[in-house]
């Protein structure tokens, strides 16, 4: 299964020198990461998603707020029904 967008992506901010093949790129190359984000968003649109977002995984700034949210019990809880499998 080809997981790359079928149509070329308009380059909004990524340079033409960005890595063309998303399987081989450097994580420290901002242009390549921007190109990858554009390709992921285009692929999502091709699959029918109304919106696709890419974010940083660094949760350092959110850690205190997340801890408070969890302590307040706002997270979902699993309910296991006896007859469901």
N, C-alpha and C. Protein backbone atom coordinates (compact mmCIF):
# COMPACT_ATOMS: atom_id res chain seq x y z
N UNK A 1 0.84 -1.18 0.00
CA UNK A 1 0.00 0.00 0.00
C UNK A 1 0.88 1.24 0.00
N UNK A 2 0.64 2.12 -0.94
CA UNK A 2 1.40 3.36 -1.01
C UNK A 2 0.81 4.35 -0.02
N UNK A 3 1.59 4.77 0.95
CA UNK A 3 1.09 5.67 1.98
C UNK A 3 1.50 7.11 1.73
N UNK A 4 2.02 7.40 0.57
CA UNK A 4 2.40 8.76 0.25
C UNK A 4 1.29 9.42 -0.55
N UNK A 5 1.15 10.74 -0.45
CA UNK A 5 0.12 11.42 -1.23
C UNK A 5 0.28 11.15 -2.72
N UNK A 6 -0.85 10.95 -3.40
CA UNK A 6 -0.81 10.68 -4.83
C UNK A 6 -0.48 11.93 -5.63
N UNK A 7 -0.85 13.09 -5.11
CA UNK A 7 -0.64 14.33 -5.82
C UNK A 7 0.44 15.14 -5.13
N UNK A 8 1.21 15.88 -5.91
CA UNK A 8 2.25 16.71 -5.28
C UNK A 8 1.62 17.72 -4.33
N UNK A 9 2.35 18.06 -3.30
CA UNK A 9 1.88 19.01 -2.30
C UNK A 9 2.44 20.38 -2.63
N UNK A 10 1.58 21.39 -2.54
CA UNK A 10 2.06 22.76 -2.71
C UNK A 10 2.98 23.08 -1.55
N UNK A 11 4.16 23.56 -1.84
CA UNK A 11 5.11 23.88 -0.78
C UNK A 11 4.83 25.28 -0.28
N UNK A 12 4.27 25.38 0.93
CA UNK A 12 3.96 26.68 1.51
C UNK A 12 5.20 27.30 2.16
N UNK A 13 5.94 26.49 2.92
CA UNK A 13 7.09 27.05 3.61
C UNK A 13 8.34 26.19 3.48
N UNK A 14 8.17 24.99 3.01
CA UNK A 14 9.33 24.10 2.89
C UNK A 14 10.08 24.42 1.60
N UNK A 15 11.39 24.33 1.66
CA UNK A 15 12.19 24.63 0.48
C UNK A 15 12.19 23.45 -0.48
N UNK A 16 12.54 23.72 -1.75
CA UNK A 16 12.62 22.66 -2.75
C UNK A 16 13.74 21.68 -2.42
N UNK A 17 14.67 22.08 -1.57
CA UNK A 17 15.77 21.21 -1.18
C UNK A 17 15.37 20.21 -0.10
N UNK A 18 14.14 20.31 0.39
CA UNK A 18 13.69 19.40 1.44
C UNK A 18 13.70 17.98 0.91
N UNK A 19 13.86 17.06 1.80
CA UNK A 19 13.95 15.66 1.43
C UNK A 19 12.67 15.22 0.73
N UNK A 20 12.79 14.57 -0.43
CA UNK A 20 11.63 14.17 -1.20
C UNK A 20 11.00 12.90 -0.66
N UNK A 21 11.78 11.97 -0.18
CA UNK A 21 11.27 10.70 0.30
C UNK A 21 11.17 10.76 1.82
N UNK A 22 9.96 10.65 2.36
CA UNK A 22 9.76 10.82 3.80
C UNK A 22 10.37 9.71 4.63
N UNK A 23 10.82 8.64 4.00
CA UNK A 23 11.46 7.56 4.76
C UNK A 23 12.90 7.90 5.10
N UNK A 24 13.46 8.90 4.46
CA UNK A 24 14.87 9.24 4.66
C UNK A 24 14.99 10.74 4.88
N UNK A 25 14.83 11.18 6.10
CA UNK A 25 15.02 12.59 6.39
C UNK A 25 15.66 12.75 7.75
N UNK A 26 16.20 13.93 7.98
CA UNK A 26 16.87 14.23 9.24
C UNK A 26 15.92 14.94 10.16
N UNK A 27 15.87 14.51 11.42
CA UNK A 27 14.98 15.12 12.38
C UNK A 27 15.43 16.52 12.79
N UNK A 28 16.66 16.86 12.50
CA UNK A 28 17.15 18.19 12.85
C UNK A 28 17.08 19.16 11.66
N UNK A 29 16.49 18.74 10.56
CA UNK A 29 16.36 19.57 9.36
C UNK A 29 14.95 20.16 9.32
N UNK A 30 14.84 21.45 9.70
CA UNK A 30 13.53 22.10 9.79
C UNK A 30 12.79 22.08 8.46
N UNK A 31 13.49 22.27 7.35
CA UNK A 31 12.83 22.26 6.04
C UNK A 31 12.26 20.88 5.73
N UNK A 32 13.01 19.83 6.06
CA UNK A 32 12.54 18.47 5.81
C UNK A 32 11.34 18.14 6.69
N UNK A 33 11.36 18.60 7.94
CA UNK A 33 10.23 18.36 8.84
C UNK A 33 8.99 19.12 8.36
N UNK A 34 9.18 20.33 7.86
CA UNK A 34 8.04 21.10 7.33
C UNK A 34 7.47 20.39 6.11
N UNK A 35 8.33 19.87 5.25
CA UNK A 35 7.88 19.12 4.07
C UNK A 35 7.11 17.87 4.49
N UNK A 36 7.61 17.16 5.48
CA UNK A 36 6.94 15.96 5.97
C UNK A 36 5.55 16.32 6.52
N UNK A 37 5.44 17.40 7.28
CA UNK A 37 4.15 17.83 7.82
C UNK A 37 3.17 18.14 6.69
N UNK A 38 3.64 18.81 5.65
CA UNK A 38 2.77 19.12 4.50
C UNK A 38 2.29 17.85 3.82
N UNK A 39 3.17 16.88 3.69
CA UNK A 39 2.81 15.62 3.02
C UNK A 39 1.82 14.82 3.87
N UNK A 40 2.00 14.82 5.18
CA UNK A 40 1.08 14.13 6.07
C UNK A 40 -0.30 14.77 5.98
N UNK A 41 -0.35 16.10 5.98
CA UNK A 41 -1.63 16.80 5.88
C UNK A 41 -2.31 16.52 4.54
N UNK A 42 -1.55 16.49 3.46
CA UNK A 42 -2.12 16.19 2.14
C UNK A 42 -2.66 14.76 2.11
N UNK A 43 -1.93 13.85 2.68
CA UNK A 43 -2.37 12.45 2.72
C UNK A 43 -3.67 12.35 3.52
N UNK A 44 -3.75 13.05 4.63
CA UNK A 44 -4.97 13.05 5.43
C UNK A 44 -6.17 13.57 4.65
N UNK A 45 -5.95 14.66 3.87
CA UNK A 45 -7.04 15.19 3.05
C UNK A 45 -7.47 14.17 2.00
N UNK A 46 -6.49 13.46 1.40
CA UNK A 46 -6.81 12.43 0.41
C UNK A 46 -7.63 11.31 1.02
N UNK A 47 -7.39 11.02 2.29
CA UNK A 47 -8.13 9.96 2.98
C UNK A 47 -9.50 10.43 3.47
N UNK A 48 -9.78 11.72 3.30
CA UNK A 48 -11.09 12.24 3.65
C UNK A 48 -11.19 12.95 4.98
N UNK A 49 -10.07 13.17 5.66
CA UNK A 49 -10.11 13.88 6.93
C UNK A 49 -10.33 15.37 6.67
N UNK A 50 -11.17 16.00 7.46
CA UNK A 50 -11.44 17.42 7.32
C UNK A 50 -10.27 18.26 7.83
N UNK A 51 -9.57 17.76 8.81
CA UNK A 51 -8.44 18.49 9.38
C UNK A 51 -7.37 17.50 9.82
N UNK A 52 -6.13 17.87 9.61
CA UNK A 52 -4.99 17.06 10.04
C UNK A 52 -4.00 18.02 10.67
N UNK A 53 -3.51 17.69 11.86
CA UNK A 53 -2.56 18.56 12.53
C UNK A 53 -1.30 17.81 12.94
N UNK A 54 -0.23 18.54 13.05
CA UNK A 54 1.06 17.99 13.47
C UNK A 54 1.56 18.88 14.60
N UNK A 55 1.95 18.27 15.71
CA UNK A 55 2.43 19.08 16.83
C UNK A 55 3.68 18.48 17.43
N UNK A 56 4.30 19.26 18.25
CA UNK A 56 5.49 18.84 18.97
C UNK A 56 5.07 17.87 20.08
N UNK A 57 5.91 16.93 20.40
CA UNK A 57 5.60 15.95 21.45
C UNK A 57 6.19 16.35 22.81
N UNK A 58 6.81 17.50 22.89
CA UNK A 58 7.39 17.96 24.15
C UNK A 58 6.27 18.50 25.05
N UNK A 59 5.99 17.80 26.13
CA UNK A 59 4.91 18.18 27.03
C UNK A 59 5.40 18.90 28.28
N UNK A 60 6.63 19.37 28.28
CA UNK A 60 7.20 20.01 29.45
C UNK A 60 6.32 21.15 29.96
N UNK A 61 5.86 22.01 29.05
CA UNK A 61 5.05 23.15 29.46
C UNK A 61 3.66 22.73 29.94
N UNK A 62 3.15 21.61 29.48
CA UNK A 62 1.81 21.17 29.83
C UNK A 62 1.78 20.24 31.04
N UNK A 63 2.93 19.85 31.54
CA UNK A 63 3.00 18.84 32.59
C UNK A 63 2.23 19.23 33.84
N UNK A 64 2.38 20.44 34.31
CA UNK A 64 1.69 20.87 35.54
C UNK A 64 0.17 20.89 35.34
N UNK A 65 -0.28 21.43 34.22
CA UNK A 65 -1.71 21.47 33.93
C UNK A 65 -2.31 20.09 33.78
N UNK A 66 -1.57 19.18 33.12
CA UNK A 66 -2.04 17.81 32.96
C UNK A 66 -2.17 17.12 34.31
N UNK A 67 -1.19 17.30 35.18
CA UNK A 67 -1.24 16.69 36.51
C UNK A 67 -2.46 17.19 37.28
N UNK A 68 -2.75 18.48 37.21
CA UNK A 68 -3.92 19.04 37.89
C UNK A 68 -5.20 18.48 37.31
N UNK A 69 -5.26 18.36 36.00
CA UNK A 69 -6.44 17.83 35.31
C UNK A 69 -6.71 16.39 35.73
N UNK A 70 -5.64 15.58 35.80
CA UNK A 70 -5.78 14.19 36.22
C UNK A 70 -6.19 14.10 37.69
N UNK A 71 -5.60 14.91 38.53
CA UNK A 71 -5.95 14.91 39.95
C UNK A 71 -7.41 15.30 40.17
N UNK A 72 -7.96 16.14 39.29
CA UNK A 72 -9.36 16.54 39.40
C UNK A 72 -10.30 15.45 38.90
N UNK A 73 -9.76 14.38 38.30
CA UNK A 73 -10.58 13.26 37.85
C UNK A 73 -11.29 13.47 36.53
N UNK A 74 -10.78 14.36 35.69
CA UNK A 74 -11.45 14.65 34.42
C UNK A 74 -11.21 13.59 33.34
N UNK A 75 -10.26 12.71 33.53
CA UNK A 75 -9.96 11.71 32.52
C UNK A 75 -11.09 10.69 32.42
N UNK A 76 -11.21 10.05 31.27
CA UNK A 76 -12.25 9.04 31.05
C UNK A 76 -11.92 7.78 31.85
N UNK A 77 -12.95 7.04 32.14
CA UNK A 77 -12.78 5.76 32.84
C UNK A 77 -13.38 4.67 31.97
N UNK A 78 -12.77 3.51 31.99
CA UNK A 78 -13.27 2.37 31.24
C UNK A 78 -14.41 1.71 32.01
N UNK A 79 -15.46 1.40 31.30
CA UNK A 79 -16.56 0.64 31.89
C UNK A 79 -16.61 -0.68 31.15
N UNK A 80 -16.44 -1.77 31.87
CA UNK A 80 -16.46 -3.09 31.27
C UNK A 80 -17.79 -3.74 31.62
N UNK A 81 -18.60 -3.98 30.61
CA UNK A 81 -19.89 -4.64 30.82
C UNK A 81 -19.68 -6.13 30.87
N UNK A 82 -20.32 -6.85 31.78
CA UNK A 82 -20.08 -8.29 31.96
C UNK A 82 -20.35 -9.13 30.72
N UNK A 83 -21.34 -8.77 29.91
CA UNK A 83 -21.70 -9.60 28.76
C UNK A 83 -21.06 -9.19 27.45
N UNK A 84 -20.19 -8.21 27.47
CA UNK A 84 -19.57 -7.72 26.24
C UNK A 84 -18.17 -8.28 26.11
N UNK A 85 -17.85 -8.76 24.93
CA UNK A 85 -16.50 -9.26 24.65
C UNK A 85 -16.09 -8.86 23.27
